[in-house]
N, C-alpha and C. Protein backbone atom coordinates (compact mmCIF):
# COMPACT_ATOMS: atom_id res chain seq x y z
N UNK A 1 -148.24 -36.61 -22.62
CA UNK A 1 -147.80 -38.00 -22.54
C UNK A 1 -148.72 -38.30 -21.69
N UNK A 2 -149.95 -38.85 -22.30
CA UNK A 2 -151.33 -39.55 -21.72
C UNK A 2 -150.63 -40.46 -20.69
N UNK A 3 -151.52 -40.69 -19.05
CA UNK A 3 -151.04 -41.82 -18.52
C UNK A 3 -151.97 -43.21 -18.09
N UNK A 4 -151.42 -43.93 -17.82
CA UNK A 4 -152.11 -45.06 -18.21
C UNK A 4 -153.83 -45.64 -17.22
N UNK A 5 -154.31 -45.66 -18.07
CA UNK A 5 -156.09 -45.63 -16.06
C UNK A 5 -155.58 -47.52 -15.44
N UNK A 6 -155.99 -47.42 -14.96
CA UNK A 6 -155.90 -48.08 -13.36
C UNK A 6 -156.92 -48.63 -13.03
N UNK A 7 -157.55 -49.91 -13.62
CA UNK A 7 -158.76 -50.45 -12.93
C UNK A 7 -159.24 -50.30 -11.72
N UNK A 8 -160.13 -50.15 -11.78
CA UNK A 8 -161.11 -49.77 -10.48
C UNK A 8 -161.30 -50.67 -9.91
N UNK A 9 -160.54 -51.45 -8.60
CA UNK A 9 -161.11 -52.36 -7.72
C UNK A 9 -162.75 -52.46 -6.80
N UNK A 10 -163.09 -53.14 -7.81
CA UNK A 10 -165.24 -53.94 -7.58
C UNK A 10 -165.00 -54.88 -5.73
N UNK A 11 -165.48 -54.73 -5.39
CA UNK A 11 -165.67 -54.55 -3.58
C UNK A 11 -167.75 -55.81 -4.14
N UNK A 12 -167.47 -57.01 -3.21
CA UNK A 12 -168.63 -57.92 -3.57
C UNK A 12 -169.64 -57.81 -2.73
N UNK A 13 -170.92 -57.30 -3.69
CA UNK A 13 -172.04 -57.15 -2.07
C UNK A 13 -172.25 -58.45 -1.60
N UNK A 14 -171.87 -58.88 -0.84
CA UNK A 14 -172.81 -60.78 -0.11
C UNK A 14 -173.64 -60.69 -0.46
N UNK A 15 -174.18 -59.59 0.42
CA UNK A 15 -176.06 -59.78 0.59
C UNK A 15 -176.26 -60.28 -0.59
N UNK A 16 -176.02 -59.37 -1.62
CA UNK A 16 -176.98 -59.43 -2.78
C UNK A 16 -176.28 -60.62 -3.35
N UNK A 17 -174.73 -60.94 -3.92
CA UNK A 17 -175.05 -62.06 -4.23
C UNK A 17 -175.29 -63.31 -3.56
N UNK A 18 -175.92 -63.74 -2.33
CA UNK A 18 -176.37 -64.81 -1.74
C UNK A 18 -177.98 -64.27 -2.35
N UNK A 19 -178.15 -64.17 -1.96
CA UNK A 19 -180.42 -63.41 -2.98
C UNK A 19 -180.29 -63.33 -3.98
N UNK A 20 -179.22 -64.11 -5.02
CA UNK A 20 -179.56 -64.32 -6.61
C UNK A 20 -180.19 -65.41 -6.65
N UNK A 21 -180.17 -66.58 -5.30
CA UNK A 21 -179.53 -67.87 -5.51
C UNK A 21 -180.48 -68.78 -3.86
N UNK A 22 -181.96 -67.81 -3.26
CA UNK A 22 -182.07 -68.09 -2.54
C UNK A 22 -182.52 -69.71 -1.81
N UNK A 23 -181.73 -70.10 -0.80
CA UNK A 23 -181.53 -71.04 -0.63
C UNK A 23 -180.81 -71.83 -0.99
N UNK A 24 -179.91 -71.49 -1.51
CA UNK A 24 -179.15 -72.17 -2.08
C UNK A 24 -177.45 -71.73 -1.78
N UNK A 25 -176.40 -72.38 -1.37
CA UNK A 25 -175.55 -72.25 -1.19
C UNK A 25 -174.43 -70.79 -2.04
N UNK A 26 -173.97 -70.28 -2.23
CA UNK A 26 -173.27 -69.53 -3.23
C UNK A 26 -171.77 -69.37 -2.67
N UNK A 27 -170.38 -69.94 -3.22
CA UNK A 27 -169.08 -69.97 -2.73
C UNK A 27 -168.58 -68.87 -4.03
N UNK A 28 -168.23 -68.56 -2.71
CA UNK A 28 -167.46 -67.23 -3.11
C UNK A 28 -165.65 -67.95 -3.70
N UNK A 29 -165.43 -67.13 -4.78
CA UNK A 29 -164.01 -67.26 -6.02
C UNK A 29 -162.88 -68.18 -4.55
N UNK A 30 -162.07 -68.23 -4.61
CA UNK A 30 -160.84 -68.43 -3.98
C UNK A 30 -160.86 -68.60 -3.02
N UNK A 31 -161.67 -69.80 -2.46
CA UNK A 31 -161.58 -69.46 -0.59
C UNK A 31 -162.12 -70.36 -0.28
N UNK A 32 -162.99 -70.54 1.27
CA UNK A 32 -163.61 -71.65 1.66
C UNK A 32 -164.77 -70.46 2.21
N UNK A 33 -165.63 -69.52 1.73
CA UNK A 33 -166.66 -68.73 2.02
C UNK A 33 -167.46 -69.45 1.82
N UNK A 34 -168.86 -68.94 1.75
CA UNK A 34 -170.69 -69.53 0.37
C UNK A 34 -170.98 -68.63 2.09
N UNK A 35 -171.90 -68.08 1.27
CA UNK A 35 -173.26 -67.07 1.39
C UNK A 35 -174.73 -67.98 1.29
N UNK A 36 -175.35 -68.15 2.47
CA UNK A 36 -176.73 -68.41 2.06
C UNK A 36 -178.15 -67.32 2.17
N UNK A 37 -178.98 -66.75 1.06
CA UNK A 37 -180.01 -66.25 1.81
C UNK A 37 -181.50 -67.55 2.45
N UNK A 38 -181.58 -67.24 3.52
CA UNK A 38 -182.43 -68.47 4.00
C UNK A 38 -183.74 -67.99 3.62
N UNK A 39 -185.11 -69.43 2.93
CA UNK A 39 -185.70 -69.28 2.83
C UNK A 39 -186.31 -70.72 2.66
N UNK A 40 -186.89 -70.95 4.10
CA UNK A 40 -186.84 -71.51 4.71
C UNK A 40 -185.94 -72.41 5.26
N UNK A 41 -186.32 -73.81 5.66
CA UNK A 41 -185.15 -74.54 6.53
C UNK A 41 -184.43 -74.93 5.65
N UNK A 42 -182.81 -75.39 6.14
CA UNK A 42 -181.43 -75.49 5.45
C UNK A 42 -180.77 -76.12 6.41
N UNK A 43 -180.68 -77.43 6.06
CA UNK A 43 -179.50 -78.17 6.56
C UNK A 43 -178.16 -78.12 6.36
N UNK A 44 -177.96 -77.94 8.19
CA UNK A 44 -177.00 -77.97 8.06
C UNK A 44 -175.44 -79.59 6.84
N UNK A 45 -173.88 -78.68 6.27
CA UNK A 45 -173.64 -79.61 5.90
C UNK A 45 -172.72 -80.14 7.05
N UNK A 46 -172.12 -81.12 7.49
CA UNK A 46 -171.57 -81.74 8.34
C UNK A 46 -169.65 -81.02 7.40
N UNK A 47 -169.62 -79.82 8.40
CA UNK A 47 -167.92 -79.06 7.92
C UNK A 47 -168.82 -78.45 9.34
N UNK A 48 -167.05 -78.30 9.48
CA UNK A 48 -166.60 -77.42 10.81
C UNK A 48 -166.17 -75.92 10.27
N UNK A 49 -166.94 -75.68 11.04
CA UNK A 49 -166.54 -74.02 10.35
C UNK A 49 -167.63 -72.70 11.47
N UNK A 50 -167.35 -71.69 10.93
CA UNK A 50 -167.98 -70.22 11.44
C UNK A 50 -169.12 -70.21 10.12
N UNK A 51 -170.23 -70.19 11.57
CA UNK A 51 -171.79 -69.91 10.63
C UNK A 51 -172.28 -67.80 10.83
N UNK A 52 -171.62 -66.67 10.63
CA UNK A 52 -171.59 -65.73 10.12
C UNK A 52 -173.46 -65.24 9.97
N UNK A 53 -174.14 -64.31 10.31
CA UNK A 53 -175.54 -63.84 10.68
C UNK A 53 -174.74 -62.38 9.97
N UNK A 54 -175.66 -62.33 8.27
CA UNK A 54 -174.83 -60.62 7.44
C UNK A 54 -176.34 -60.00 7.51
N UNK A 55 -177.34 -60.12 7.85
CA UNK A 55 -178.54 -59.58 8.06
C UNK A 55 -179.43 -60.59 8.05
N UNK A 56 -180.86 -59.51 8.71
CA UNK A 56 -181.81 -60.59 9.54
C UNK A 56 -181.40 -61.09 10.39
N UNK A 57 -182.11 -62.02 10.66
CA UNK A 57 -181.80 -62.80 12.02
C UNK A 57 -182.43 -64.60 11.38
N UNK A 58 -181.26 -65.12 12.34
CA UNK A 58 -181.80 -66.15 11.65
C UNK A 58 -181.81 -67.31 13.31
N UNK A 59 -182.00 -68.67 13.67
CA UNK A 59 -182.68 -69.48 14.31
C UNK A 59 -181.77 -70.39 13.66
N UNK A 60 -180.77 -71.22 14.24
CA UNK A 60 -179.90 -72.68 14.85
C UNK A 60 -180.05 -74.06 15.43
N UNK A 61 -180.94 -73.87 14.66
CA UNK A 61 -182.22 -75.59 16.15
C UNK A 61 -180.89 -76.60 16.22
N UNK A 62 -180.42 -76.75 16.93
CA UNK A 62 -178.83 -77.58 17.17
C UNK A 62 -179.94 -78.97 18.30
N UNK A 63 -179.67 -80.29 17.77
CA UNK A 63 -179.10 -81.43 18.92
C UNK A 63 -179.69 -81.51 20.23
N UNK A 64 -180.62 -81.70 21.15
CA UNK A 64 -180.92 -81.95 21.83
C UNK A 64 -181.64 -80.79 22.64
N UNK A 65 -183.00 -80.64 21.94
CA UNK A 65 -183.28 -79.62 22.00
C UNK A 65 -182.38 -78.36 22.09
N UNK A 66 -181.36 -77.64 21.61
CA UNK A 66 -180.91 -76.69 22.21
C UNK A 66 -180.92 -75.48 20.51
N UNK A 67 -180.74 -73.92 21.42
CA UNK A 67 -181.21 -73.48 19.59
C UNK A 67 -180.36 -72.70 19.43
N UNK A 68 -179.26 -71.72 18.47
CA UNK A 68 -178.86 -70.41 18.73
C UNK A 68 -179.49 -69.89 17.93
N UNK A 69 -179.43 -68.11 17.40
CA UNK A 69 -179.96 -66.50 17.73
C UNK A 69 -179.48 -66.18 17.16
N UNK A 70 -178.77 -65.74 15.94
CA UNK A 70 -178.14 -65.01 14.98
C UNK A 70 -178.51 -63.63 14.36
N UNK A 71 -178.29 -62.44 15.08
CA UNK A 71 -178.85 -60.90 14.02
C UNK A 71 -177.12 -60.35 14.52
N UNK A 72 -177.37 -59.60 12.89
CA UNK A 72 -176.10 -58.71 12.67
C UNK A 72 -175.27 -58.72 13.05
N UNK A 73 -174.20 -59.60 12.83
CA UNK A 73 -172.95 -59.45 13.13
C UNK A 73 -172.30 -60.31 13.86
N UNK A 74 -173.11 -61.22 14.18
CA UNK A 74 -173.21 -62.40 15.05
C UNK A 74 -172.15 -64.15 14.73
N UNK A 75 -172.16 -64.56 15.39
CA UNK A 75 -172.22 -66.05 14.68
C UNK A 75 -171.00 -67.27 15.84
N UNK A 76 -171.70 -68.42 14.94
CA UNK A 76 -171.52 -69.24 16.23
C UNK A 76 -170.96 -69.79 14.99
N UNK A 77 -169.98 -71.35 16.43
CA UNK A 77 -169.22 -72.81 15.52
C UNK A 77 -169.77 -73.69 15.59
N UNK A 78 -170.38 -74.23 14.84
CA UNK A 78 -170.28 -75.25 14.20
C UNK A 78 -169.74 -76.51 14.16
N UNK A 79 -170.36 -77.67 14.56
CA UNK A 79 -168.70 -78.76 13.78
C UNK A 79 -169.06 -79.67 13.28
N UNK A 80 -168.57 -80.75 12.42
CA UNK A 80 -168.71 -82.22 12.22
C UNK A 80 -169.77 -82.28 12.49
N UNK A 81 -169.37 -82.67 13.46
CA UNK A 81 -170.12 -83.67 15.07
C UNK A 81 -171.60 -83.65 14.87
N UNK A 82 -172.00 -82.26 14.79
CA UNK A 82 -173.24 -81.45 16.01
C UNK A 82 -174.38 -81.55 14.62
N UNK A 83 -174.85 -81.92 13.98
CA UNK A 83 -176.52 -81.34 13.24
C UNK A 83 -176.93 -80.33 13.68
N UNK A 84 -177.19 -79.22 12.38
CA UNK A 84 -177.92 -78.37 12.80
C UNK A 84 -178.18 -77.98 11.56
N UNK A 85 -179.31 -77.57 11.71
CA UNK A 85 -181.09 -76.78 10.89
C UNK A 85 -180.59 -75.51 10.91
N UNK A 86 -180.90 -74.20 10.02
CA UNK A 86 -181.43 -73.32 9.60
C UNK A 86 -182.26 -72.27 9.57
N UNK A 87 -183.21 -71.88 9.91
CA UNK A 87 -184.20 -71.19 9.92
C UNK A 87 -184.20 -69.82 10.30
N UNK A 88 -184.96 -69.02 9.24
CA UNK A 88 -185.00 -67.19 9.18
C UNK A 88 -186.80 -66.77 10.04
N UNK A 89 -185.96 -65.65 10.46
CA UNK A 89 -187.41 -65.55 11.64
C UNK A 89 -187.30 -64.18 11.39
N UNK A 90 -186.46 -63.55 9.84
CA UNK A 90 -186.32 -62.45 9.70
C UNK A 90 -186.51 -62.17 7.87
N UNK A 91 -187.45 -61.62 7.52
CA UNK A 91 -187.03 -61.15 5.52
C UNK A 91 -185.80 -61.01 5.38
N UNK A 92 -185.54 -61.64 4.38
CA UNK A 92 -183.21 -60.97 3.83
C UNK A 92 -182.68 -61.56 5.62
N UNK A 93 -182.56 -62.58 5.50
CA UNK A 93 -181.89 -63.35 6.07
C UNK A 93 -181.10 -64.13 5.58
N UNK A 94 -179.72 -63.35 5.73
CA UNK A 94 -178.18 -63.65 4.44
C UNK A 94 -177.87 -64.18 6.10
N UNK A 95 -176.35 -65.53 5.52
CA UNK A 95 -175.86 -66.48 6.56
C UNK A 95 -174.66 -66.88 5.43
N UNK A 96 -173.09 -66.03 6.62
CA UNK A 96 -171.65 -66.57 5.03
C UNK A 96 -171.35 -68.26 7.04
N UNK A 97 -171.30 -68.23 5.67
CA UNK A 97 -170.21 -70.11 6.51
C UNK A 97 -169.00 -69.81 6.17
N UNK A 98 -168.09 -69.88 7.18
CA UNK A 98 -166.74 -70.08 7.11
C UNK A 98 -166.21 -71.56 7.09
N UNK A 99 -165.56 -72.36 6.26
CA UNK A 99 -165.51 -73.49 7.11
C UNK A 99 -163.68 -73.41 6.92
N UNK A 100 -163.43 -74.41 8.42
CA UNK A 100 -162.14 -74.50 9.33
C UNK A 100 -161.29 -74.63 7.69
N UNK A 101 -160.09 -74.08 8.08
CA UNK A 101 -158.75 -75.32 6.40
C UNK A 101 -158.48 -75.87 6.87
N UNK A 102 -157.99 -77.31 5.89
CA UNK A 102 -157.69 -79.00 6.64
C UNK A 102 -158.38 -78.97 5.60
């Protein structure tokens, strides 16, 4: 008796997904997650959530002459009330954005 073949689950490579559309947010299916491969300056949305650096290095330019530098594995919470701009300081910089639920 032959056994039924089970489909092998496939992982989604977030960095490659982001690199497929440099400078543009790419939404992940079924959730509030988006990734972007930074290509120059990127003006942030007016949405509250977490910015997480997946690769490279990014600077998040904030109001009042403040900024945050994100390295891989580091995150920063942005709010809808706070304007921000992101730019890369290393080639291949990818950010993940996780919007707050609600």
